[in-house]
């Protein structure tokens, strides 16, 4: 997928064109499409100053990162809302209406958004940037995705620094008038990421070497496991299964028993029933929920990317220590 599509200038489609697109997709010419519960309900430009650039991201984690760089100089919104499962997301006509009004779409890439190619073909004039460009990929080791890149690169704070730089460059190229603000915001945000990365390294270092396992439902922790010298064990590689297979469950049960791993975990966007089965079969504690593909709702523990990373590592360390 290309990093930039041509023509970054603000495109104003007529209202008639946008409505015709939505009507054609819904097959209901007399009724405007209802927004999906997994997407925002309003168009970005309806309540915001028209001179600001509109940035649409594919999921909430990227929106938070982009907002930190954009500050008050651009409008940043996520296509999906907190709690949405991003891999197999099914976009709606209202999503296409929102995208048509955007100046730029920011995506993760690495095959995370499996629906992206079809989505972009429906809004060909809207440019998009892949934020994982420059990441040293980790290949998935097992299951149907073996050999393909693990898409969860943002879970590593070190990789997050690359994401921030790619966001900064994208916003500067799109809106050079606010270059100084974007540069300054990106520098401040990088400092925050570096500070939390150091704090997390100290937290993980207190774990005995033989207990540094992260056992999860999805294999979303390969990059952070590499950064913090953790051993990763998971039921499935990428969210696609409605539930784990007996073979996957048995494999994790055997690994937990053999290595006497004290705690197992699951992610917020999937059912944790299979991991509870692992805990019951091994005597391990179910240590809690991680946030990966989505931020938490406003009343949750992972309302920003930095809080997401901090919550996950704190939950991991507490679980492995039996707290």
Protein backbone atom coordinates (compact mmCIF):
# COMPACT_ATOMS: atom_id res chain seq x y z
CA UNK A 1 0.00 0.00 0.00
CA UNK A 2 1.47 3.32 -1.01
CA UNK A 3 2.60 5.76 1.66
CA UNK A 4 1.07 8.80 -0.01
CA UNK A 5 -1.61 9.12 -2.62
CA UNK A 6 -1.46 12.16 -4.92
CA UNK A 7 -3.20 15.48 -4.36
CA UNK A 8 -3.03 16.36 -0.66
CA UNK A 9 -5.08 19.51 -1.06
CA UNK A 10 -8.45 19.81 0.64
CA UNK A 11 -11.08 18.26 -1.57
CA UNK A 12 -14.63 19.49 -1.37
CA UNK A 13 -17.10 17.05 -2.86
CA UNK A 14 -20.60 18.20 -3.43
CA UNK A 15 -23.21 17.14 -0.95
CA UNK A 16 -25.10 15.49 -3.76
CA UNK A 17 -22.11 13.29 -4.66
CA UNK A 18 -21.65 12.14 -1.08
CA UNK A 19 -25.34 11.40 -0.59
CA UNK A 20 -25.52 9.49 -3.86
CA UNK A 21 -22.60 7.35 -2.70
CA UNK A 22 -24.33 6.54 0.58
CA UNK A 23 -27.66 5.87 -1.14
CA UNK A 24 -26.06 3.55 -3.65
CA UNK A 25 -24.40 1.52 -0.92
CA UNK A 26 -27.47 1.18 1.30
CA UNK A 27 -30.04 0.63 -1.41
CA UNK A 28 -32.44 2.90 0.51
CA UNK A 29 -32.75 6.14 -1.47
CA UNK A 30 -35.37 7.64 0.83
CA UNK A 31 -33.57 7.07 4.12
CA UNK A 32 -30.10 8.35 5.03
CA UNK A 33 -27.75 5.65 6.39
CA UNK A 34 -27.62 5.13 10.11
CA UNK A 35 -24.18 5.34 11.68
CA UNK A 36 -22.58 2.11 12.85
CA UNK A 37 -22.24 1.63 16.60
CA UNK A 38 -18.53 1.12 15.89
CA UNK A 39 -18.07 4.54 14.32
CA UNK A 40 -18.51 8.16 15.29
CA UNK A 41 -21.97 9.54 14.63
CA UNK A 42 -21.10 12.89 13.07
CA UNK A 43 -19.05 14.20 10.23
CA UNK A 44 -15.81 15.84 11.37
CA UNK A 45 -16.47 19.15 9.64
CA UNK A 46 -19.98 19.89 10.84
CA UNK A 47 -19.04 21.55 14.13
CA UNK A 48 -15.41 22.53 13.59
CA UNK A 49 -13.77 25.52 11.91
CA UNK A 50 -13.53 24.79 8.18
CA UNK A 51 -9.93 26.04 7.89
CA UNK A 52 -8.58 23.22 10.02
CA UNK A 53 -7.41 20.06 8.30
CA UNK A 54 -9.45 16.96 9.08
CA UNK A 55 -7.46 13.83 9.97
CA UNK A 56 -9.24 10.48 10.14
CA UNK A 57 -7.52 7.46 11.68
CA UNK A 58 -8.51 3.82 11.35
CA UNK A 59 -8.69 3.19 15.11
CA UNK A 60 -8.59 4.97 18.45
CA UNK A 61 -4.94 4.37 19.38
CA UNK A 62 -3.74 6.15 16.24
CA UNK A 63 -6.20 8.98 16.85
CA UNK A 64 -4.70 9.63 20.28
CA UNK A 65 -1.16 9.62 18.89
CA UNK A 66 -2.14 11.96 16.05
CA UNK A 67 -4.00 14.30 18.40
CA UNK A 68 -0.88 14.69 20.52
CA UNK A 69 1.03 15.84 17.44
CA UNK A 70 -1.75 17.93 15.90
CA UNK A 71 -2.73 19.78 19.07
CA UNK A 72 -5.39 22.36 18.28
CA UNK A 73 -4.24 22.94 14.70
CA UNK A 74 -6.14 20.03 13.13
CA UNK A 75 -9.27 17.97 13.75
CA UNK A 76 -8.43 14.34 14.55
CA UNK A 77 -11.07 11.61 14.76
CA UNK A 78 -11.09 7.82 14.78
CA UNK A 79 -13.13 5.89 12.26
CA UNK A 80 -13.91 3.34 14.98
CA UNK A 81 -14.92 4.05 18.55
CA UNK A 82 -13.42 2.67 21.79
CA UNK A 83 -14.00 -1.05 22.12
CA UNK A 84 -14.20 -1.79 18.40
CA UNK A 85 -12.37 -4.80 16.95
CA UNK A 86 -10.25 -3.38 14.15
CA UNK A 87 -9.01 -6.40 12.16
CA UNK A 88 -12.30 -7.43 10.60
CA UNK A 89 -14.12 -4.13 10.91
CA UNK A 90 -16.96 -3.69 8.42
CA UNK A 91 -17.16 -0.09 7.31
CA UNK A 92 -20.51 1.54 6.64
CA UNK A 93 -21.86 4.13 4.20
CA UNK A 94 -21.63 6.73 6.96
CA UNK A 95 -17.93 5.89 7.35
CA UNK A 96 -17.46 6.65 3.66
CA UNK A 97 -19.28 9.96 4.07
CA UNK A 98 -16.89 10.89 6.88
CA UNK A 99 -13.86 9.82 4.88
CA UNK A 100 -14.98 11.90 1.91
CA UNK A 101 -14.81 14.97 4.17
CA UNK A 102 -11.31 14.17 5.45
CA UNK A 103 -8.05 15.66 4.21
CA UNK A 104 -5.97 12.65 5.25
CA UNK A 105 -6.43 9.13 6.60
CA UNK A 106 -3.82 7.59 8.90
CA UNK A 107 -3.62 3.79 8.99
CA UNK A 108 -1.44 1.23 10.72
CA UNK A 109 -0.72 -1.06 7.78
CA UNK A 110 1.02 -4.45 8.18
CA UNK A 111 -2.28 -6.09 7.18
CA UNK A 112 -4.00 -4.88 10.34
CA UNK A 113 -6.89 -3.22 8.47
CA UNK A 114 -7.85 -6.11 6.22
CA UNK A 115 -10.72 -4.03 4.86
CA UNK A 116 -8.57 -1.04 3.91
CA UNK A 117 -8.07 -1.68 0.19
CA UNK A 118 -11.80 -1.88 -0.44
CA UNK A 119 -12.38 1.18 1.76
CA UNK A 120 -9.82 3.32 -0.07
CA UNK A 121 -11.14 2.29 -3.47
CA UNK A 122 -14.44 3.87 -2.45
CA UNK A 123 -12.78 7.20 -1.57
CA UNK A 124 -9.93 7.34 -4.13
CA UNK A 125 -9.32 11.07 -3.81
CA UNK A 126 -8.53 10.97 -0.09
CA UNK A 127 -4.80 10.36 0.62
CA UNK A 128 -3.64 7.96 3.29
CA UNK A 129 -0.40 7.39 5.15
CA UNK A 130 0.87 4.13 6.63
CA UNK A 131 2.30 4.85 10.06
CA UNK A 132 4.20 1.59 10.46
CA UNK A 133 6.62 2.56 7.68
CA UNK A 134 10.19 2.08 8.96
CA UNK A 135 9.28 -0.52 11.60
CA UNK A 136 11.48 -3.61 11.88
CA UNK A 137 8.80 -6.24 11.39
CA UNK A 138 8.37 -9.41 13.44
CA UNK A 139 6.93 -12.33 11.52
CA UNK A 140 4.08 -14.36 12.98
CA UNK A 141 5.37 -17.79 13.92
CA UNK A 142 2.26 -19.95 13.79
CA UNK A 143 -1.34 -20.41 12.67
CA UNK A 144 -2.80 -19.33 9.35
CA UNK A 145 -0.78 -16.09 9.43
CA UNK A 146 2.63 -17.74 9.79
CA UNK A 147 5.32 -15.74 8.00
CA UNK A 148 3.23 -12.59 7.71
CA UNK A 149 4.20 -9.49 9.72
CA UNK A 150 2.69 -9.09 13.16
CA UNK A 151 0.58 -5.92 12.76
CA UNK A 152 0.67 -4.75 16.39
CA UNK A 153 3.85 -2.69 16.11
CA UNK A 154 2.47 0.25 18.13
CA UNK A 155 2.54 -1.90 21.27
CA UNK A 156 6.27 -1.22 21.52
CA UNK A 157 7.09 2.26 22.90
CA UNK A 158 10.22 2.22 20.74
CA UNK A 159 8.09 1.68 17.66
CA UNK A 160 5.69 4.37 18.87
CA UNK A 161 8.50 6.89 18.38
CA UNK A 162 8.56 5.92 14.70
CA UNK A 163 4.78 6.30 14.49
CA UNK A 164 5.03 9.80 15.97
CA UNK A 165 7.68 10.82 13.46
CA UNK A 166 5.58 9.50 10.58
CA UNK A 167 2.58 11.44 11.91
CA UNK A 168 4.68 14.60 12.22
CA UNK A 169 5.95 14.33 8.66
CA UNK A 170 2.46 13.63 7.32
CA UNK A 171 0.94 16.65 9.05
CA UNK A 172 3.78 18.95 8.01
CA UNK A 173 3.42 17.89 4.38
CA UNK A 174 -0.34 18.30 4.54
CA UNK A 175 -0.38 21.61 6.45
CA UNK A 176 3.00 23.35 6.29
CA UNK A 177 1.53 26.58 7.72
CA UNK A 178 1.45 24.88 11.14
CA UNK A 179 4.79 23.11 10.82
CA UNK A 180 6.32 24.72 13.92
CA UNK A 181 3.44 23.53 16.12
CA UNK A 182 3.54 19.98 14.78
CA UNK A 183 7.29 19.79 15.27
CA UNK A 184 7.11 21.08 18.83
CA UNK A 185 4.19 18.83 19.79
CA UNK A 186 5.92 15.77 18.35
CA UNK A 187 9.08 16.52 20.34
CA UNK A 188 7.11 16.82 23.60
CA UNK A 189 5.18 13.64 22.92
CA UNK A 190 8.36 11.69 22.14
CA UNK A 191 9.74 12.73 25.54
CA UNK A 192 6.63 11.35 27.26
CA UNK A 193 6.91 8.05 25.39
CA UNK A 194 10.59 7.73 26.25
CA UNK A 195 9.87 8.44 29.91
CA UNK A 196 7.19 5.77 30.17
CA UNK A 197 9.38 3.28 28.28
CA UNK A 198 12.08 3.73 30.92
CA UNK A 199 9.56 3.37 33.75
CA UNK A 200 8.18 0.17 32.27
CA UNK A 201 11.64 -1.31 31.81
CA UNK A 202 12.24 -0.78 35.54
CA UNK A 203 8.92 -2.45 36.42
CA UNK A 204 9.62 -5.53 34.30
CA UNK A 205 13.17 -5.82 35.65
CA UNK A 206 11.87 -6.78 39.11
CA UNK A 207 10.40 -10.02 37.73
CA UNK A 208 12.54 -13.16 38.08
CA UNK A 209 13.95 -14.18 34.69
CA UNK A 210 12.04 -17.47 34.71
CA UNK A 211 8.70 -15.69 35.22
CA UNK A 212 8.90 -13.21 32.39
CA UNK A 213 6.11 -14.77 30.34
CA UNK A 214 3.21 -12.91 28.78
CA UNK A 215 0.38 -15.36 28.07
CA UNK A 216 -2.45 -13.76 26.11
CA UNK A 217 -5.38 -14.59 23.83
CA UNK A 218 -3.99 -12.77 20.78
CA UNK A 219 -0.35 -12.66 19.78
CA UNK A 220 -0.31 -8.88 19.96
CA UNK A 221 2.71 -8.48 22.22
CA UNK A 222 5.61 -9.65 20.05
CA UNK A 223 7.16 -6.19 19.75
CA UNK A 224 6.95 -5.24 23.42
CA UNK A 225 8.12 -8.75 24.36
CA UNK A 226 11.21 -8.17 22.24
CA UNK A 227 11.86 -4.79 23.85
CA UNK A 228 11.47 -6.03 27.44
CA UNK A 229 12.93 -9.55 27.16
CA UNK A 230 9.60 -11.28 27.70
CA UNK A 231 8.56 -14.66 26.36
CA UNK A 232 5.25 -14.53 24.49
CA UNK A 233 2.63 -17.30 24.55
CA UNK A 234 -0.77 -16.89 22.87
CA UNK A 235 -3.88 -18.80 21.85
CA UNK A 236 -4.16 -17.35 18.35
CA UNK A 237 -1.91 -15.11 16.30
CA UNK A 238 -4.36 -12.48 15.04
CA UNK A 239 -7.99 -11.83 16.03
CA UNK A 240 -9.99 -13.79 13.51
CA UNK A 241 -11.38 -16.77 15.38
CA UNK A 242 -14.68 -16.56 17.22
CA UNK A 243 -13.14 -18.85 19.81
CA UNK A 244 -9.89 -20.73 20.29
CA UNK A 245 -9.58 -24.25 18.88
CA UNK A 246 -9.05 -27.20 21.24
CA UNK A 247 -5.55 -27.61 19.82
CA UNK A 248 -4.66 -23.99 20.59
CA UNK A 249 -6.01 -24.25 24.14
CA UNK A 250 -4.17 -27.50 24.79
CA UNK A 251 -0.89 -26.06 23.52
CA UNK A 252 -1.12 -23.08 25.88
CA UNK A 253 -2.17 -25.27 28.81
CA UNK A 254 0.90 -27.45 28.29
CA UNK A 255 3.21 -24.41 28.07
CA UNK A 256 1.77 -22.84 31.23
CA UNK A 257 2.09 -26.11 33.16
CA UNK A 258 5.62 -26.88 31.95
CA UNK A 259 6.93 -23.43 32.82
CA UNK A 260 4.79 -22.95 35.94
CA UNK A 261 3.56 -19.60 34.66
CA UNK A 262 1.56 -17.98 37.48
CA UNK A 263 -0.86 -15.83 35.46
CA UNK A 264 -2.56 -15.60 32.06
CA UNK A 265 -4.34 -12.67 30.41
CA UNK A 266 -6.67 -11.70 27.56
CA UNK A 267 -7.50 -8.61 25.50
CA UNK A 268 -10.45 -6.25 25.87
CA UNK A 269 -11.87 -6.78 22.37
CA UNK A 270 -12.24 -10.59 22.53
CA UNK A 271 -14.01 -13.18 24.66
CA UNK A 272 -11.75 -14.45 27.45
CA UNK A 273 -13.57 -17.76 27.95
CA UNK A 274 -10.77 -19.84 26.39
CA UNK A 275 -8.13 -18.18 28.55
CA UNK A 276 -10.25 -18.77 31.63
CA UNK A 277 -10.24 -22.43 30.60
CA UNK A 278 -6.43 -22.33 30.51
CA UNK A 279 -6.35 -20.83 34.00
CA UNK A 280 -8.72 -23.46 35.38
CA UNK A 281 -6.75 -26.33 33.84
CA UNK A 282 -3.35 -25.13 35.05
CA UNK A 283 -4.02 -23.47 38.38
CA UNK A 284 -2.72 -20.18 36.97
CA UNK A 285 -4.48 -16.99 37.93
CA UNK A 286 -6.46 -15.05 35.33
CA UNK A 287 -4.48 -11.85 35.75
CA UNK A 288 -6.69 -9.35 33.96
CA UNK A 289 -7.45 -7.62 30.69
CA UNK A 290 -5.01 -5.93 28.32
CA UNK A 291 -5.85 -3.16 25.85
CA UNK A 292 -4.39 -3.52 22.35
CA UNK A 293 -6.58 -2.75 19.34
CA UNK A 294 -8.62 -0.08 21.08
CA UNK A 295 -8.47 2.46 23.85
CA UNK A 296 -10.93 2.05 26.70
CA UNK A 297 -14.09 4.15 27.04
CA UNK A 298 -13.66 7.43 28.96
CA UNK A 299 -14.29 5.75 32.33
CA UNK A 300 -11.74 2.98 31.67
CA UNK A 301 -8.03 2.58 32.48
CA UNK A 302 -6.63 3.04 28.96
CA UNK A 303 -8.05 6.28 27.63
CA UNK A 304 -4.77 7.28 25.95
CA UNK A 305 -1.94 5.38 24.31
CA UNK A 306 0.42 6.10 27.21
CA UNK A 307 -2.15 4.91 29.74
CA UNK A 308 -2.76 1.80 27.62
CA UNK A 309 0.92 0.82 27.73
CA UNK A 310 1.23 1.63 31.42
CA UNK A 311 -1.93 -0.31 32.31
CA UNK A 312 -0.81 -3.39 30.35
CA UNK A 313 2.63 -3.61 31.94
CA UNK A 314 1.28 -2.87 35.42
CA UNK A 315 -1.36 -5.59 34.97
CA UNK A 316 1.29 -8.02 33.72
CA UNK A 317 3.71 -7.41 36.59
CA UNK A 318 0.97 -7.53 39.24
CA UNK A 319 -0.42 -10.74 37.82
CA UNK A 320 2.92 -12.50 37.64
CA UNK A 321 3.69 -11.42 41.20
CA UNK A 322 0.38 -12.84 42.40
CA UNK A 323 -1.02 -9.50 43.49
